[in-house]
Amino acid sequence: MDILAALSRKESEIDDAEVDLGEAEIRADQAVQDVLTKRTVLDKLREQRGTLIDVARQYGALEEEALATPTVTHIGDQEIAEWQGLSRLDAVERILREAIEPRHISEIVTDLQFHGREGDDYALVSASLSNLRSRRQTVVSLGRGKWEYIRAGTNTGRHPVMDQMADETRARIRDGFQLTETIADKALHDVMLNAGEDAPG
């Protein structure tokens, strides 16, 4: 029957999607581990630098001016409160919308934490980016962890072929669901019709 063939194809598409998701999760886990490793290295280097500064101060090898902690630009409490009041999706989207150029996931995490959102880690930001791409369709992945905000009324100008493929895929999925619904409605209609004919008069 046509409906069985349609269901079989749909099961095959689901299996393929599950495989793709599994591979993507593996890549995401590897990326998270890479970031954590690099962050550990950076923290260790900063710790070693602090130790060297303490030793230098103790022996007077450096002037106090040279040992001063680099100035860090701070934002006001009001702006921090504003950023903390945003949902994670809105905050991630705002970072990309206000960025001059594409941002790497790790850069987005740094930007969010700079604005007082300490709980936004790599994994959570990565998930938010995926949600923004699939639900709001306001961001696009450029590969290698870089993302860009899609300006209203324009295309990305970077992956026209991929954009076209995505549109065609969505169209095929939509047509497939419509076909399945049509076949199911016809089958139900036939069953009800046959039931009516078989019913005793």
C-alpha atoms as a PDB file:
ATOM      1  CA  MET A   1       0.000   0.000   0.000  1.00  0.00           C
ATOM      2  CA  ASP A   2       1.115   3.576  -0.636  1.00  0.00           C
ATOM      3  CA  ILE A   3       0.713   4.520   3.009  1.00  0.00           C
ATOM      4  CA  LEU A   4       3.006   1.668   4.107  1.00  0.00           C
ATOM      5  CA  ALA A   5       5.636   2.756   1.602  1.00  0.00           C
ATOM      6  CA  ALA A   6       5.376   6.355   2.843  1.00  0.00           C
ATOM      7  CA  LEU A   7       5.734   5.226   6.458  1.00  0.00           C
ATOM      8  CA  SER A   8       8.741   3.083   5.532  1.00  0.00           C
ATOM      9  CA  ARG A   9      10.431   6.043   3.861  1.00  0.00           C
ATOM     10  CA  LYS A  10       9.675   8.198   6.882  1.00  0.00           C
ATOM     11  CA  GLU A  11      11.230   5.620   9.220  1.00  0.00           C
ATOM     12  CA  SER A  12      14.348   5.611   7.017  1.00  0.00           C
ATOM     13  CA  GLU A  13      14.534   9.420   7.156  1.00  0.00           C
ATOM     14  CA  ILE A  14      14.203   9.302  10.956  1.00  0.00           C
ATOM     15  CA  ASP A  15      17.027   6.743  11.187  1.00  0.00           C
ATOM     16  CA  ASP A  16      19.272   8.964   9.050  1.00  0.00           C
ATOM     17  CA  ALA A  17      18.409  12.010  11.176  1.00  0.00           C
ATOM     18  CA  GLU A  18      19.229  10.110  14.388  1.00  0.00           C
ATOM     19  CA  VAL A  19      22.622   9.112  12.965  1.00  0.00           C
ATOM     20  CA  ASP A  20      23.336  12.720  11.969  1.00  0.00           C
ATOM     21  CA  LEU A  21      22.342  13.907  15.445  1.00  0.00           C
ATOM     22  CA  GLY A  22      24.576  11.336  17.114  1.00  0.00           C
ATOM     23  CA  GLU A  23      27.562  12.387  15.019  1.00  0.00           C
ATOM     24  CA  ALA A  24      26.859  16.052  15.740  1.00  0.00           C
ATOM     25  CA  GLU A  25      26.693  15.349  19.489  1.00  0.00           C
ATOM     26  CA  ILE A  26      30.041  13.569  19.328  1.00  0.00           C
ATOM     27  CA  ARG A  27      31.615  16.535  17.533  1.00  0.00           C
ATOM     28  CA  ALA A  28      30.057  18.918  20.060  1.00  0.00           C
ATOM     29  CA  ASP A  29      31.432  16.888  22.983  1.00  0.00           C
ATOM     30  CA  GLN A  30      34.887  16.933  21.423  1.00  0.00           C
ATOM     31  CA  ALA A  31      34.669  20.695  20.912  1.00  0.00           C
ATOM     32  CA  VAL A  32      33.602  21.224  24.535  1.00  0.00           C
ATOM     33  CA  GLN A  33      36.532  19.122  25.765  1.00  0.00           C
ATOM     34  CA  ASP A  34      38.890  21.126  23.569  1.00  0.00           C
ATOM     35  CA  VAL A  35      37.618  24.391  25.040  1.00  0.00           C
ATOM     36  CA  LEU A  36      37.884  23.069  28.602  1.00  0.00           C
ATOM     37  CA  THR A  37      41.468  21.922  27.952  1.00  0.00           C
ATOM     38  CA  LYS A  38      42.462  25.287  26.533  1.00  0.00           C
ATOM     39  CA  ARG A  39      40.774  27.091  29.409  1.00  0.00           C
ATOM     40  CA  THR A  40      42.729  24.936  31.875  1.00  0.00           C
ATOM     41  CA  VAL A  41      45.966  25.810  30.074  1.00  0.00           C
ATOM     42  CA  LEU A  42      45.101  29.514  30.156  1.00  0.00           C
ATOM     43  CA  ASP A  43      44.281  29.394  33.869  1.00  0.00           C
ATOM     44  CA  LYS A  44      47.598  27.628  34.540  1.00  0.00           C
ATOM     45  CA  LEU A  45      49.524  30.250  32.585  1.00  0.00           C
ATOM     46  CA  ARG A  46      47.820  33.042  34.509  1.00  0.00           C
ATOM     47  CA  GLU A  47      48.640  31.285  37.775  1.00  0.00           C
ATOM     48  CA  GLN A  48      52.298  30.990  36.760  1.00  0.00           C
ATOM     49  CA  ARG A  49      52.352  34.650  35.782  1.00  0.00           C
ATOM     50  CA  GLY A  50      50.994  35.593  39.193  1.00  0.00           C
ATOM     51  CA  THR A  51      53.692  33.537  40.871  1.00  0.00           C
ATOM     52  CA  LEU A  52      56.399  35.250  38.841  1.00  0.00           C
ATOM     53  CA  ILE A  53      54.984  38.671  39.724  1.00  0.00           C
ATOM     54  CA  ASP A  54      55.022  37.789  43.437  1.00  0.00           C
ATOM     55  CA  VAL A  55      58.639  36.662  43.195  1.00  0.00           C
ATOM     56  CA  ALA A  56      59.605  39.781  41.236  1.00  0.00           C
ATOM     57  CA  ARG A  57      57.957  42.048  43.793  1.00  0.00           C
ATOM     58  CA  GLN A  58      59.680  40.222  46.612  1.00  0.00           C
ATOM     59  CA  TYR A  59      63.134  40.797  45.128  1.00  0.00           C
ATOM     60  CA  GLY A  60      62.383  44.218  43.686  1.00  0.00           C
ATOM     61  CA  ALA A  61      63.180  43.098  40.165  1.00  0.00           C
ATOM     62  CA  LEU A  62      60.324  45.054  38.632  1.00  0.00           C
ATOM     63  CA  GLU A  63      58.827  48.454  39.201  1.00  0.00           C
ATOM     64  CA  GLU A  64      55.342  48.567  40.664  1.00  0.00           C
ATOM     65  CA  GLU A  65      54.044  50.194  37.488  1.00  0.00           C
ATOM     66  CA  ALA A  66      55.168  47.245  35.397  1.00  0.00           C
ATOM     67  CA  LEU A  67      53.464  44.829  37.746  1.00  0.00           C
ATOM     68  CA  ALA A  68      50.111  46.544  37.700  1.00  0.00           C
ATOM     69  CA  THR A  69      47.206  44.383  36.586  1.00  0.00           C
ATOM     70  CA  PRO A  70      46.095  45.313  33.069  1.00  0.00           C
ATOM     71  CA  THR A  71      43.076  47.584  33.076  1.00  0.00           C
ATOM     72  CA  VAL A  72      39.840  45.747  32.314  1.00  0.00           C
ATOM     73  CA  THR A  73      36.859  47.595  30.954  1.00  0.00           C
ATOM     74  CA  HIS A  74      33.825  47.085  33.178  1.00  0.00           C
ATOM     75  CA  ILE A  75      30.198  47.612  32.390  1.00  0.00           C
ATOM     76  CA  GLY A  76      27.693  49.171  34.743  1.00  0.00           C
ATOM     77  CA  ASP A  77      25.414  47.294  37.117  1.00  0.00           C
ATOM     78  CA  GLN A  78      22.379  48.464  35.184  1.00  0.00           C
ATOM     79  CA  GLU A  79      23.635  46.954  31.937  1.00  0.00           C
ATOM     80  CA  ILE A  80      24.575  43.738  33.716  1.00  0.00           C
ATOM     81  CA  ALA A  81      21.057  43.529  35.130  1.00  0.00           C
ATOM     82  CA  GLU A  82      19.651  44.113  31.652  1.00  0.00           C
ATOM     83  CA  TRP A  83      21.679  41.264  30.184  1.00  0.00           C
ATOM     84  CA  GLN A  84      20.878  38.935  33.063  1.00  0.00           C
ATOM     85  CA  GLY A  85      17.190  39.630  32.518  1.00  0.00           C
ATOM     86  CA  LEU A  86      17.343  38.265  28.974  1.00  0.00           C
ATOM     87  CA  SER A  87      16.606  34.678  28.130  1.00  0.00           C
ATOM     88  CA  ARG A  88      19.631  32.757  26.934  1.00  0.00           C
ATOM     89  CA  LEU A  89      18.274  32.667  23.376  1.00  0.00           C
ATOM     90  CA  ASP A  90      17.764  36.440  23.364  1.00  0.00           C
ATOM     91  CA  ALA A  91      21.207  37.076  24.861  1.00  0.00           C
ATOM     92  CA  VAL A  92      23.031  34.862  22.350  1.00  0.00           C
ATOM     93  CA  GLU A  93      21.066  36.380  19.489  1.00  0.00           C
ATOM     94  CA  ARG A  94      21.881  39.895  20.698  1.00  0.00           C
ATOM     95  CA  ILE A  95      25.597  39.131  20.851  1.00  0.00           C
ATOM     96  CA  LEU A  96      25.593  38.080  17.205  1.00  0.00           C
ATOM     97  CA  ARG A  97      23.262  40.879  16.118  1.00  0.00           C
ATOM     98  CA  GLU A  98      25.544  43.524  17.620  1.00  0.00           C
ATOM     99  CA  ALA A  99      28.766  41.870  16.439  1.00  0.00           C
ATOM    100  CA  ILE A 100      30.620  43.469  13.549  1.00  0.00           C
ATOM    101  CA  GLU A 101      31.876  40.126  12.274  1.00  0.00           C
ATOM    102  CA  PRO A 102      31.092  36.419  12.805  1.00  0.00           C
ATOM    103  CA  ARG A 103      31.822  35.096  16.281  1.00  0.00           C
ATOM    104  CA  HIS A 104      33.163  31.747  17.433  1.00  0.00           C
ATOM    105  CA  ILE A 105      31.165  29.930  20.102  1.00  0.00           C
ATOM    106  CA  SER A 106      33.966  30.441  22.629  1.00  0.00           C
ATOM    107  CA  GLU A 107      33.954  34.175  21.823  1.00  0.00           C
ATOM    108  CA  ILE A 108      30.206  34.326  22.354  1.00  0.00           C
ATOM    109  CA  VAL A 109      30.651  32.622  25.741  1.00  0.00           C
ATOM    110  CA  THR A 110      33.311  35.186  26.677  1.00  0.00           C
ATOM    111  CA  ASP A 111      31.059  38.064  25.572  1.00  0.00           C
ATOM    112  CA  LEU A 112      28.138  36.739  27.603  1.00  0.00           C
ATOM    113  CA  GLN A 113      30.247  36.239  30.715  1.00  0.00           C
ATOM    114  CA  PHE A 114      31.671  39.741  30.315  1.00  0.00           C
ATOM    115  CA  HIS A 115      28.080  40.986  30.483  1.00  0.00           C
ATOM    116  CA  GLY A 116      27.518  39.191  33.779  1.00  0.00           C
ATOM    117  CA  ARG A 117      26.079  35.916  32.479  1.00  0.00           C
ATOM    118  CA  GLU A 118      28.501  33.562  34.221  1.00  0.00           C
ATOM    119  CA  GLY A 119      26.222  30.532  33.814  1.00  0.00           C
ATOM    120  CA  ASP A 120      26.305  30.572  30.012  1.00  0.00           C
ATOM    121  CA  ASP A 121      28.904  27.928  29.211  1.00  0.00           C
ATOM    122  CA  TYR A 122      30.010  26.446  25.899  1.00  0.00           C
ATOM    123  CA  ALA A 123      27.473  23.612  25.799  1.00  0.00           C
ATOM    124  CA  LEU A 124      24.507  25.841  26.669  1.00  0.00           C
ATOM    125  CA  VAL A 125      25.482  28.496  24.136  1.00  0.00           C
ATOM    126  CA  SER A 126      25.969  25.844  21.459  1.00  0.00           C
ATOM    127  CA  ALA A 127      22.468  24.500  22.143  1.00  0.00           C
ATOM    128  CA  SER A 128      21.015  28.026  22.002  1.00  0.00           C
ATOM    129  CA  LEU A 129      22.645  28.630  18.628  1.00  0.00           C
ATOM    130  CA  SER A 130      21.084  25.449  17.272  1.00  0.00           C
ATOM    131  CA  ASN A 131      17.682  26.551  18.578  1.00  0.00           C
ATOM    132  CA  LEU A 132      18.067  29.999  17.026  1.00  0.00           C
ATOM    133  CA  ARG A 133      18.925  28.421  13.691  1.00  0.00           C
ATOM    134  CA  SER A 134      16.053  25.928  13.691  1.00  0.00           C
ATOM    135  CA  ARG A 135      13.300  27.959  15.407  1.00  0.00           C
ATOM    136  CA  ARG A 136      13.892  31.631  14.707  1.00  0.00           C
ATOM    137  CA  GLN A 137      16.177  31.126  11.698  1.00  0.00           C
ATOM    138  CA  THR A 138      18.061  34.308  12.636  1.00  0.00           C
ATOM    139  CA  VAL A 139      21.582  32.869  12.726  1.00  0.00           C
ATOM    140  CA  VAL A 140      23.678  30.761  10.393  1.00  0.00           C
ATOM    141  CA  SER A 141      26.636  28.492  11.059  1.00  0.00           C
ATOM    142  CA  LEU A 142      29.698  29.280   8.967  1.00  0.00           C
ATOM    143  CA  GLY A 143      31.545  26.152  10.049  1.00  0.00           C
ATOM    144  CA  ARG A 144      34.478  25.627  12.435  1.00  0.00           C
ATOM    145  CA  GLY A 145      32.426  26.948  15.339  1.00  0.00           C
ATOM    146  CA  LYS A 146      31.717  30.370  13.818  1.00  0.00           C
ATOM    147  CA  TRP A 147      28.221  31.846  13.662  1.00  0.00           C
ATOM    148  CA  GLU A 148      26.689  34.945  12.111  1.00  0.00           C
ATOM    149  CA  TYR A 149      23.448  36.878  12.525  1.00  0.00           C
ATOM    150  CA  ILE A 150      21.235  36.949   9.441  1.00  0.00           C
ATOM    151  CA  ARG A 151      20.241  40.523   8.716  1.00  0.00           C
ATOM    152  CA  ALA A 152      16.577  41.117   7.874  1.00  0.00           C
ATOM    153  CA  GLY A 153      15.864  41.265   4.171  1.00  0.00           C
ATOM    154  CA  THR A 154      19.242  39.883   3.148  1.00  0.00           C
ATOM    155  CA  ASN A 155      20.803  36.485   2.684  1.00  0.00           C
ATOM    156  CA  THR A 156      24.086  35.433   4.211  1.00  0.00           C
ATOM    157  CA  GLY A 157      25.935  35.664   0.929  1.00  0.00           C
ATOM    158  CA  ARG A 158      28.196  32.887   2.184  1.00  0.00           C
ATOM    159  CA  HIS A 159      26.456  29.576   1.573  1.00  0.00           C
ATOM    160  CA  PRO A 160      23.859  30.055  -1.185  1.00  0.00           C
ATOM    161  CA  VAL A 161      24.060  26.390  -2.167  1.00  0.00           C
ATOM    162  CA  MET A 162      23.573  25.253   1.412  1.00  0.00           C
ATOM    163  CA  ASP A 163      20.720  27.715   1.866  1.00  0.00           C
ATOM    164  CA  GLN A 164      19.052  26.362  -1.260  1.00  0.00           C
ATOM    165  CA  MET A 165      19.542  22.779  -0.106  1.00  0.00           C
ATOM    166  CA  ALA A 166      18.031  23.636   3.274  1.00  0.00           C
ATOM    167  CA  ASP A 167      14.998  25.206   1.594  1.00  0.00           C
ATOM    168  CA  GLU A 168      14.586  22.197  -0.675  1.00  0.00           C
ATOM    169  CA  THR A 169      14.875  19.831   2.286  1.00  0.00           C
ATOM    170  CA  ARG A 170      12.204  21.717   4.213  1.00  0.00           C
ATOM    171  CA  ALA A 171       9.975  21.651   1.120  1.00  0.00           C
ATOM    172  CA  ARG A 172      10.438  17.887   0.707  1.00  0.00           C
ATOM    173  CA  ILE A 173       9.643  17.273   4.360  1.00  0.00           C
ATOM    174  CA  ARG A 174       6.540  19.473   4.122  1.00  0.00           C
ATOM    175  CA  ASP A 175       5.400  17.713   0.929  1.00  0.00           C
ATOM    176  CA  GLY A 176       6.059  14.330   2.532  1.00  0.00           C
ATOM    177  CA  PHE A 177       3.886  15.145   5.528  1.00  0.00           C
ATOM    178  CA  GLN A 178       1.141  16.448   3.255  1.00  0.00           C
ATOM    179  CA  LEU A 179       1.301  13.290   1.151  1.00  0.00           C
ATOM    180  CA  THR A 180       1.170  11.102   4.248  1.00  0.00           C
ATOM    181  CA  GLU A 181      -1.832  13.012   5.583  1.00  0.00           C
ATOM    182  CA  THR A 182      -3.603  12.734   2.219  1.00  0.00           C
ATOM    183  CA  ILE A 183      -2.999   8.977   2.021  1.00  0.00           C
ATOM    184  CA  ALA A 184      -4.084   8.523   5.633  1.00  0.00           C
ATOM    185  CA  ASP A 185      -7.271  10.530   5.061  1.00  0.00           C
ATOM    186  CA  LYS A 186      -8.113   8.475   1.962  1.00  0.00           C
ATOM    187  CA  ALA A 187      -7.464   5.211   3.776  1.00  0.00           C
ATOM    188  CA  LEU A 188      -9.666   6.307   6.684  1.00  0.00           C
ATOM    189  CA  HIS A 189     -12.379   7.386   4.259  1.00  0.00           C
ATOM    190  CA  ASP A 190     -12.259   3.994   2.506  1.00  0.00           C
ATOM    191  CA  VAL A 191     -12.427   2.148   5.830  1.00  0.00           C
ATOM    192  CA  MET A 192     -15.432   4.183   6.968  1.00  0.00           C
ATOM    193  CA  LEU A 193     -17.107   3.738   3.575  1.00  0.00           C
ATOM    194  CA  ASN A 194     -16.601  -0.034   3.653  1.00  0.00           C
ATOM    195  CA  ALA A 195     -17.813  -0.145   7.233  1.00  0.00           C
ATOM    196  CA  GLY A 196     -20.963   1.682   6.195  1.00  0.00           C
ATOM    197  CA  GLU A 197     -21.600  -0.731   3.340  1.00  0.00           C
ATOM    198  CA  ASP A 198     -21.063  -3.777   5.563  1.00  0.00           C
ATOM    199  CA  ALA A 199     -23.319  -2.482   8.302  1.00  0.00           C
ATOM    200  CA  PRO A 200     -26.694  -4.257   8.516  1.00  0.00           C
ATOM    201  CA  GLY A 201     -29.586  -2.312   7.040  1.00  0.00           C
END
